[in-house]
């Protein structure tokens, strides 16, 4: 988990491939089920309705007693206390820490598609999200700083940590 631009979707897919587990990208699954983009869902129904979909989908596709999966949540998923209650119980949570400047650079043109980053200065919007969510992200089982690492390196580190191995 982490801010927009942390690399959650890219790294999650790599981790799932290396572990041989299904990858569930929560935002993509919501878009698929709704037949609309996240941006359209926010505009039409608001954030509260989106978060309710997110909660239902998480419970359905990654139940606490289910088989192992790589769950790739959106950045705001962490705000649900029921999700955080699963840390260390039925899931290992990895916070992909990224600086706002690097996050905006990674997002490039897609920053316009992110409903919570609308405004004149995307870096300022990301900084605001970080201030709001960082204490929640830091409740994760593992914190991985991604600013100076590529997606393959981050995925390798997460796989090692998930399997209880000593990272290289």
C-alpha atoms as a PDB file:
ATOM      1  CA  UNK A   1       0.000   0.000   0.000  1.00  0.00           C
ATOM      2  CA  UNK A   2       1.044   3.590  -0.290  1.00  0.00           C
ATOM      3  CA  UNK A   3       0.496   6.881  -2.009  1.00  0.00           C
ATOM      4  CA  UNK A   4      -0.464   7.194  -5.650  1.00  0.00           C
ATOM      5  CA  UNK A   5       2.753   6.755  -7.621  1.00  0.00           C
ATOM      6  CA  UNK A   6       4.389   4.446  -5.066  1.00  0.00           C
ATOM      7  CA  UNK A   7       4.335   1.567  -7.567  1.00  0.00           C
ATOM      8  CA  UNK A   8       1.654  -0.557  -5.911  1.00  0.00           C
ATOM      9  CA  UNK A   9       0.140  -2.010  -9.098  1.00  0.00           C
ATOM     10  CA  UNK A  10       3.463  -2.643 -10.831  1.00  0.00           C
ATOM     11  CA  UNK A  11       5.170  -4.142  -7.780  1.00  0.00           C
ATOM     12  CA  UNK A  12       2.076  -6.117  -6.758  1.00  0.00           C
ATOM     13  CA  UNK A  13       1.925  -7.833 -10.146  1.00  0.00           C
ATOM     14  CA  UNK A  14       5.634  -8.719  -9.935  1.00  0.00           C
ATOM     15  CA  UNK A  15       5.285 -10.083  -6.388  1.00  0.00           C
ATOM     16  CA  UNK A  16       2.275 -12.194  -7.389  1.00  0.00           C
ATOM     17  CA  UNK A  17       4.127 -13.588 -10.383  1.00  0.00           C
ATOM     18  CA  UNK A  18       7.165 -14.530  -8.282  1.00  0.00           C
ATOM     19  CA  UNK A  19       5.061 -16.154  -5.563  1.00  0.00           C
ATOM     20  CA  UNK A  20       2.650 -17.832  -7.976  1.00  0.00           C
ATOM     21  CA  UNK A  21      -0.315 -16.218  -6.219  1.00  0.00           C
ATOM     22  CA  UNK A  22      -3.245 -14.380  -7.785  1.00  0.00           C
ATOM     23  CA  UNK A  23      -2.908 -10.601  -7.923  1.00  0.00           C
ATOM     24  CA  UNK A  24      -6.008  -8.626  -6.984  1.00  0.00           C
ATOM     25  CA  UNK A  25      -5.700  -4.957  -7.910  1.00  0.00           C
ATOM     26  CA  UNK A  26      -8.642  -3.525  -5.984  1.00  0.00           C
ATOM     27  CA  UNK A  27      -9.059  -0.363  -8.076  1.00  0.00           C
ATOM     28  CA  UNK A  28      -8.932  -2.306 -11.375  1.00  0.00           C
ATOM     29  CA  UNK A  29     -11.467  -4.830 -10.045  1.00  0.00           C
ATOM     30  CA  UNK A  30     -13.815  -2.030  -8.996  1.00  0.00           C
ATOM     31  CA  UNK A  31     -13.509  -0.444 -12.445  1.00  0.00           C
ATOM     32  CA  UNK A  32     -14.164  -3.784 -14.132  1.00  0.00           C
ATOM     33  CA  UNK A  33     -17.226  -4.528 -12.009  1.00  0.00           C
ATOM     34  CA  UNK A  34     -18.664  -1.012 -12.388  1.00  0.00           C
ATOM     35  CA  UNK A  35     -17.797  -0.589 -16.051  1.00  0.00           C
ATOM     36  CA  UNK A  36     -16.451   2.878 -15.247  1.00  0.00           C
ATOM     37  CA  UNK A  37     -13.176   4.480 -14.228  1.00  0.00           C
ATOM     38  CA  UNK A  38     -12.365   5.378 -10.634  1.00  0.00           C
ATOM     39  CA  UNK A  39     -12.497   9.026 -11.661  1.00  0.00           C
ATOM     40  CA  UNK A  40     -16.034   8.568 -13.074  1.00  0.00           C
ATOM     41  CA  UNK A  41     -17.151   6.649  -9.973  1.00  0.00           C
ATOM     42  CA  UNK A  42     -15.912   9.436  -7.689  1.00  0.00           C
ATOM     43  CA  UNK A  43     -17.632  12.068  -9.849  1.00  0.00           C
ATOM     44  CA  UNK A  44     -20.930  10.174 -10.039  1.00  0.00           C
ATOM     45  CA  UNK A  45     -21.241   8.682  -6.562  1.00  0.00           C
ATOM     46  CA  UNK A  46     -18.608  10.274  -4.332  1.00  0.00           C
ATOM     47  CA  UNK A  47     -15.791   8.874  -2.252  1.00  0.00           C
ATOM     48  CA  UNK A  48     -17.996   7.253   0.420  1.00  0.00           C
ATOM     49  CA  UNK A  49     -19.740   5.059  -2.163  1.00  0.00           C
ATOM     50  CA  UNK A  50     -16.389   4.146  -3.703  1.00  0.00           C
ATOM     51  CA  UNK A  51     -14.977   3.169  -0.283  1.00  0.00           C
ATOM     52  CA  UNK A  52     -18.025   0.956   0.370  1.00  0.00           C
ATOM     53  CA  UNK A  53     -17.360  -0.867  -2.933  1.00  0.00           C
ATOM     54  CA  UNK A  54     -13.709  -1.173  -1.953  1.00  0.00           C
ATOM     55  CA  UNK A  55     -14.647  -2.694   1.421  1.00  0.00           C
ATOM     56  CA  UNK A  56     -17.058  -5.225  -0.137  1.00  0.00           C
ATOM     57  CA  UNK A  57     -14.588  -6.236  -2.824  1.00  0.00           C
ATOM     58  CA  UNK A  58     -11.757  -6.711  -0.327  1.00  0.00           C
ATOM     59  CA  UNK A  59     -13.928  -8.966   1.841  1.00  0.00           C
ATOM     60  CA  UNK A  60     -15.107 -10.926  -1.187  1.00  0.00           C
ATOM     61  CA  UNK A  61     -11.811 -11.433  -3.046  1.00  0.00           C
ATOM     62  CA  UNK A  62      -9.381 -11.577  -0.113  1.00  0.00           C
ATOM     63  CA  UNK A  63     -11.304 -13.060   2.822  1.00  0.00           C
ATOM     64  CA  UNK A  64      -9.310 -13.533   6.050  1.00  0.00           C
ATOM     65  CA  UNK A  65      -9.610 -17.325   5.834  1.00  0.00           C
ATOM     66  CA  UNK A  66      -8.993 -17.487   2.070  1.00  0.00           C
ATOM     67  CA  UNK A  67      -5.983 -18.725   0.105  1.00  0.00           C
ATOM     68  CA  UNK A  68      -2.941 -16.458  -0.227  1.00  0.00           C
ATOM     69  CA  UNK A  69      -3.255 -13.586  -2.683  1.00  0.00           C
ATOM     70  CA  UNK A  70      -1.374 -10.406  -3.430  1.00  0.00           C
ATOM     71  CA  UNK A  71      -3.873  -7.659  -2.675  1.00  0.00           C
ATOM     72  CA  UNK A  72      -3.057  -4.324  -4.290  1.00  0.00           C
ATOM     73  CA  UNK A  73      -5.257  -1.698  -2.636  1.00  0.00           C
ATOM     74  CA  UNK A  74      -5.712   1.895  -3.667  1.00  0.00           C
ATOM     75  CA  UNK A  75      -4.053   4.573  -1.569  1.00  0.00           C
ATOM     76  CA  UNK A  76      -7.108   5.297   0.580  1.00  0.00           C
ATOM     77  CA  UNK A  77      -7.771   1.644   1.463  1.00  0.00           C
ATOM     78  CA  UNK A  78      -5.651   2.146   4.590  1.00  0.00           C
ATOM     79  CA  UNK A  79      -8.224   4.534   6.073  1.00  0.00           C
ATOM     80  CA  UNK A  80     -10.665   1.695   6.814  1.00  0.00           C
ATOM     81  CA  UNK A  81     -10.019   0.414  10.373  1.00  0.00           C
ATOM     82  CA  UNK A  82     -11.324  -3.055   9.428  1.00  0.00           C
ATOM     83  CA  UNK A  83      -8.568  -3.338   6.848  1.00  0.00           C
ATOM     84  CA  UNK A  84      -5.873  -2.264   9.312  1.00  0.00           C
ATOM     85  CA  UNK A  85      -7.180  -4.759  11.882  1.00  0.00           C
ATOM     86  CA  UNK A  86      -6.035  -7.556   9.544  1.00  0.00           C
ATOM     87  CA  UNK A  87      -2.358  -6.480   9.620  1.00  0.00           C
ATOM     88  CA  UNK A  88      -0.298  -9.323  11.028  1.00  0.00           C
ATOM     89  CA  UNK A  89      -3.414 -11.479  11.483  1.00  0.00           C
ATOM     90  CA  UNK A  90      -4.678 -12.485   8.052  1.00  0.00           C
ATOM     91  CA  UNK A  91      -2.371 -10.395   5.901  1.00  0.00           C
ATOM     92  CA  UNK A  92       1.101  -8.943   5.798  1.00  0.00           C
ATOM     93  CA  UNK A  93       0.961  -5.259   4.941  1.00  0.00           C
ATOM     94  CA  UNK A  94       3.757  -3.613   2.983  1.00  0.00           C
ATOM     95  CA  UNK A  95       3.935   0.175   2.861  1.00  0.00           C
ATOM     96  CA  UNK A  96       5.684   1.328  -0.303  1.00  0.00           C
ATOM     97  CA  UNK A  97       7.010   4.654   0.943  1.00  0.00           C
ATOM     98  CA  UNK A  98       7.678   7.271  -1.724  1.00  0.00           C
ATOM     99  CA  UNK A  99       8.402  10.983  -1.597  1.00  0.00           C
ATOM    100  CA  UNK A 100       5.745  13.227  -3.140  1.00  0.00           C
ATOM    101  CA  UNK A 101       8.166  14.503  -5.805  1.00  0.00           C
ATOM    102  CA  UNK A 102       9.040  10.971  -6.937  1.00  0.00           C
ATOM    103  CA  UNK A 103       5.381   9.918  -6.802  1.00  0.00           C
ATOM    104  CA  UNK A 104       4.318  12.752  -9.127  1.00  0.00           C
ATOM    105  CA  UNK A 105       7.200  12.017 -11.499  1.00  0.00           C
ATOM    106  CA  UNK A 106       6.209   8.340 -11.671  1.00  0.00           C
ATOM    107  CA  UNK A 107       2.547   9.144 -12.327  1.00  0.00           C
ATOM    108  CA  UNK A 108       3.361  11.452 -15.228  1.00  0.00           C
ATOM    109  CA  UNK A 109       0.279  12.203 -17.333  1.00  0.00           C
ATOM    110  CA  UNK A 110      -1.901   9.776 -15.341  1.00  0.00           C
ATOM    111  CA  UNK A 111      -2.008  12.241 -12.442  1.00  0.00           C
ATOM    112  CA  UNK A 112      -5.019  13.823 -14.195  1.00  0.00           C
ATOM    113  CA  UNK A 113      -6.943  10.539 -13.786  1.00  0.00           C
ATOM    114  CA  UNK A 114      -6.551  10.498 -10.003  1.00  0.00           C
ATOM    115  CA  UNK A 115      -9.600  12.057  -8.331  1.00  0.00           C
ATOM    116  CA  UNK A 116      -7.902  12.923  -5.038  1.00  0.00           C
ATOM    117  CA  UNK A 117      -5.050  14.714  -6.822  1.00  0.00           C
ATOM    118  CA  UNK A 118      -7.115  17.231  -8.746  1.00  0.00           C
ATOM    119  CA  UNK A 119      -5.912  20.778  -8.367  1.00  0.00           C
ATOM    120  CA  UNK A 120      -3.221  23.167  -9.452  1.00  0.00           C
ATOM    121  CA  UNK A 121      -0.236  21.427  -7.866  1.00  0.00           C
ATOM    122  CA  UNK A 122      -0.170  17.599  -7.882  1.00  0.00           C
ATOM    123  CA  UNK A 123       2.934  17.506  -5.641  1.00  0.00           C
ATOM    124  CA  UNK A 124       1.102  19.577  -3.036  1.00  0.00           C
ATOM    125  CA  UNK A 125      -1.917  17.242  -3.275  1.00  0.00           C
ATOM    126  CA  UNK A 126       0.321  14.195  -2.767  1.00  0.00           C
ATOM    127  CA  UNK A 127       2.034  15.907   0.179  1.00  0.00           C
ATOM    128  CA  UNK A 128      -1.391  16.576   1.723  1.00  0.00           C
ATOM    129  CA  UNK A 129      -2.351  12.893   1.303  1.00  0.00           C
ATOM    130  CA  UNK A 130       0.949  11.848   2.883  1.00  0.00           C
ATOM    131  CA  UNK A 131       0.368  14.073   5.918  1.00  0.00           C
ATOM    132  CA  UNK A 132      -3.140  12.656   6.272  1.00  0.00           C
ATOM    133  CA  UNK A 133      -2.263   8.969   5.801  1.00  0.00           C
ATOM    134  CA  UNK A 134       1.358   8.435   6.827  1.00  0.00           C
ATOM    135  CA  UNK A 135       0.618   7.440  10.432  1.00  0.00           C
ATOM    136  CA  UNK A 136      -1.807   4.828   9.086  1.00  0.00           C
ATOM    137  CA  UNK A 137       0.664   3.544   6.486  1.00  0.00           C
ATOM    138  CA  UNK A 138       3.307   3.197   9.195  1.00  0.00           C
ATOM    139  CA  UNK A 139       1.090   0.638  10.960  1.00  0.00           C
ATOM    140  CA  UNK A 140       2.036  -1.808   8.179  1.00  0.00           C
ATOM    141  CA  UNK A 141       4.076  -4.892   8.986  1.00  0.00           C
ATOM    142  CA  UNK A 142       6.857  -3.714   6.659  1.00  0.00           C
ATOM    143  CA  UNK A 143       7.962  -0.329   5.312  1.00  0.00           C
ATOM    144  CA  UNK A 144       9.870  -0.330   2.020  1.00  0.00           C
ATOM    145  CA  UNK A 145      11.350   2.944   0.774  1.00  0.00           C
ATOM    146  CA  UNK A 146      10.960   2.942  -3.001  1.00  0.00           C
ATOM    147  CA  UNK A 147      12.455   6.291  -4.033  1.00  0.00           C
ATOM    148  CA  UNK A 148      15.788   4.861  -5.157  1.00  0.00           C
ATOM    149  CA  UNK A 149      14.698   1.324  -6.082  1.00  0.00           C
ATOM    150  CA  UNK A 150      13.237  -0.070  -9.271  1.00  0.00           C
ATOM    151  CA  UNK A 151      10.090  -2.186  -9.281  1.00  0.00           C
ATOM    152  CA  UNK A 152      12.051  -5.449  -9.631  1.00  0.00           C
ATOM    153  CA  UNK A 153      14.191  -4.621  -6.596  1.00  0.00           C
ATOM    154  CA  UNK A 154      11.157  -3.686  -4.513  1.00  0.00           C
ATOM    155  CA  UNK A 155       9.352  -6.883  -5.551  1.00  0.00           C
ATOM    156  CA  UNK A 156      12.372  -9.045  -4.679  1.00  0.00           C
ATOM    157  CA  UNK A 157      12.596  -7.438  -1.235  1.00  0.00           C
ATOM    158  CA  UNK A 158       8.874  -7.925  -0.583  1.00  0.00           C
ATOM    159  CA  UNK A 159       8.995 -11.575  -1.656  1.00  0.00           C
ATOM    160  CA  UNK A 160      11.922 -12.205   0.694  1.00  0.00           C
ATOM    161  CA  UNK A 161      10.139 -10.499   3.586  1.00  0.00           C
ATOM    162  CA  UNK A 162       6.849 -12.283   2.849  1.00  0.00           C
ATOM    163  CA  UNK A 163       8.619 -15.637   2.934  1.00  0.00           C
ATOM    164  CA  UNK A 164      10.522 -14.784   6.106  1.00  0.00           C
ATOM    165  CA  UNK A 165      13.863 -14.764   4.307  1.00  0.00           C
ATOM    166  CA  UNK A 166      16.713 -12.406   4.881  1.00  0.00           C
ATOM    167  CA  UNK A 167      16.708  -9.798   2.091  1.00  0.00           C
ATOM    168  CA  UNK A 168      19.905  -9.527   0.033  1.00  0.00           C
END
